[in-house]
Amino acid sequence: MHPPILLLEDDESHSLLVERVLRKARLANGIVTFRNGDEAVAYLERAADGQEAIPAIVLTDFHVQGRNGLDVLAWIRKQPGLEGVPVVMYSGSGEAEHINRAFELGVDAYLVKPVAFDALL
């Protein structure tokens, strides 16, 4: 079984769009979706303890409820067993400050919304 893709997006329409893009790509990975950063971290804690599958990749919006995308990214990078999980952040904000901070924390890629299908894949 393939590890899931963890999607953190609090806007349902954006979440559905990203899920549709991933399904059209016919990836073998399932998708676990969270609307709140705290819920995503709770899942990742269980994954680090072996109770859930460690995700193949984390796709996170910058602005979400609870812990924001930067907070979740920083948390992931400090967790043994999770620190190497690729994280892609996307946001409507193309502000250099946000992008630079994400890369300082170890994001693997940063995409600005609207995200093109090819860029997401």
Protein backbone atom coordinates (compact mmCIF):
# COMPACT_ATOMS: atom_id res chain seq x y z
CA MET A 1 0.00 0.00 0.00
CA HIS A 2 1.27 3.46 -0.86
CA PRO A 3 1.67 6.14 1.80
CA PRO A 4 -1.00 8.83 1.69
CA ILE A 5 -0.72 12.42 0.59
CA LEU A 6 -1.59 14.72 3.49
CA LEU A 7 -3.54 17.77 2.35
CA LEU A 8 -4.01 20.66 4.77
CA GLU A 9 -6.53 23.13 3.37
CA ASP A 10 -9.33 24.89 5.22
CA ASP A 11 -11.17 26.16 2.13
CA GLU A 12 -13.39 23.35 0.93
CA SER A 13 -13.46 24.53 -2.69
CA HIS A 14 -9.64 24.67 -2.84
CA SER A 15 -9.43 21.30 -1.15
CA LEU A 16 -11.77 19.74 -3.70
CA LEU A 17 -9.76 21.28 -6.55
CA VAL A 18 -6.44 19.92 -5.25
CA GLU A 19 -7.97 16.50 -4.61
CA ARG A 20 -9.40 16.47 -8.15
CA VAL A 21 -5.99 17.35 -9.64
CA LEU A 22 -4.31 14.59 -7.66
CA ARG A 23 -6.93 12.02 -8.66
CA LYS A 24 -6.69 12.99 -12.34
CA ALA A 25 -2.96 12.34 -12.11
CA ARG A 26 -3.88 8.74 -11.18
CA LEU A 27 -1.47 8.62 -8.29
CA ALA A 28 -1.60 5.39 -6.31
CA ASN A 29 -1.52 7.33 -3.03
CA GLY A 30 -4.65 7.99 -1.08
CA ILE A 31 -5.37 11.48 0.21
CA VAL A 32 -5.99 12.40 3.85
CA THR A 33 -7.41 15.90 4.16
CA PHE A 34 -7.48 18.17 7.17
CA ARG A 35 -9.06 21.60 7.50
CA ASN A 36 -7.13 22.56 10.63
CA GLY A 37 -3.39 22.59 11.36
CA ASP A 38 -3.88 21.13 14.82
CA GLU A 39 -5.77 18.16 13.34
CA ALA A 40 -2.99 17.59 10.81
CA VAL A 41 -0.36 17.64 13.58
CA ALA A 42 -2.43 15.15 15.61
CA TYR A 43 -2.45 12.80 12.60
CA LEU A 44 1.31 13.28 12.12
CA GLU A 45 1.93 12.52 15.81
CA ARG A 46 0.06 9.25 15.39
CA ALA A 47 2.08 8.56 12.22
CA ALA A 48 5.35 9.16 14.04
CA ASP A 49 4.16 6.66 16.70
CA GLY A 50 3.32 4.06 14.03
CA GLN A 51 -0.46 4.35 14.47
CA GLU A 52 -1.00 5.96 11.05
CA ALA A 53 0.95 5.87 7.80
CA ILE A 54 3.65 8.50 7.42
CA PRO A 55 2.60 10.63 4.44
CA ALA A 56 4.54 10.54 1.19
CA ILE A 57 4.20 14.32 1.03
CA VAL A 58 2.43 17.13 2.87
CA LEU A 59 0.61 19.76 0.81
CA THR A 60 -0.36 22.69 2.96
CA ASP A 61 -1.96 26.06 2.50
CA PHE A 62 -0.14 28.89 4.23
CA HIS A 63 -3.25 30.21 5.99
CA VAL A 64 -5.30 27.56 7.79
CA GLN A 65 -7.20 27.38 11.06
CA GLY A 66 -5.35 26.34 14.21
CA ARG A 67 -1.63 26.06 13.54
CA ASN A 68 -0.89 27.74 10.23
CA GLY A 69 1.12 26.14 7.46
CA LEU A 70 4.40 27.60 8.73
CA ASP A 71 3.76 26.28 12.22
CA VAL A 72 2.99 22.81 10.88
CA LEU A 73 6.10 22.90 8.69
CA ALA A 74 8.31 23.94 11.62
CA TRP A 75 6.80 21.19 13.77
CA ILE A 76 7.38 18.52 11.08
CA ARG A 77 11.03 19.49 10.65
CA LYS A 78 11.67 18.95 14.38
CA GLN A 79 10.11 15.48 14.58
CA PRO A 80 12.32 12.38 14.41
CA GLY A 81 11.02 10.18 11.62
CA LEU A 82 9.06 13.00 9.98
CA GLU A 83 11.76 15.59 9.34
CA GLY A 84 12.43 14.21 5.86
CA VAL A 85 8.82 14.22 4.66
CA PRO A 86 8.57 16.56 1.66
CA VAL A 87 6.40 19.60 2.32
CA VAL A 88 4.90 21.78 -0.41
CA MET A 89 3.28 25.01 0.69
CA TYR A 90 0.92 27.07 -1.42
CA SER A 91 -0.71 30.40 -0.76
CA GLY A 92 -2.44 33.35 -2.32
CA SER A 93 0.40 35.36 -0.82
CA GLY A 94 3.43 35.82 -3.00
CA GLU A 95 5.05 38.07 -0.42
CA ALA A 96 8.81 37.55 -0.30
CA GLU A 97 8.71 37.55 3.51
CA HIS A 98 6.33 34.56 3.59
CA ILE A 99 8.22 32.66 0.90
CA ASN A 100 11.61 33.29 2.51
CA ARG A 101 10.34 32.21 5.93
CA ALA A 102 8.93 28.99 4.48
CA PHE A 103 12.28 28.14 2.88
CA GLU A 104 14.14 29.02 6.10
CA LEU A 105 11.94 26.45 7.88
CA GLY A 106 12.69 23.79 5.27
CA VAL A 107 9.80 23.81 2.80
CA ASP A 108 10.59 21.84 -0.36
CA ALA A 109 8.50 24.01 -2.68
CA TYR A 110 6.29 27.09 -2.44
CA LEU A 111 3.52 27.69 -4.98
CA VAL A 112 1.44 30.83 -5.37
CA LYS A 113 -2.32 30.46 -5.98
CA PRO A 114 -3.90 29.98 -8.33
CA VAL A 115 -1.75 26.91 -8.67
CA ALA A 116 -1.44 25.49 -12.17
CA PHE A 117 -2.14 21.78 -12.62
CA ASP A 118 1.38 21.08 -13.92
CA ALA A 119 3.05 23.05 -11.13
CA LEU A 120 1.15 21.09 -8.49
CA LEU A 121 2.10 17.76 -10.01
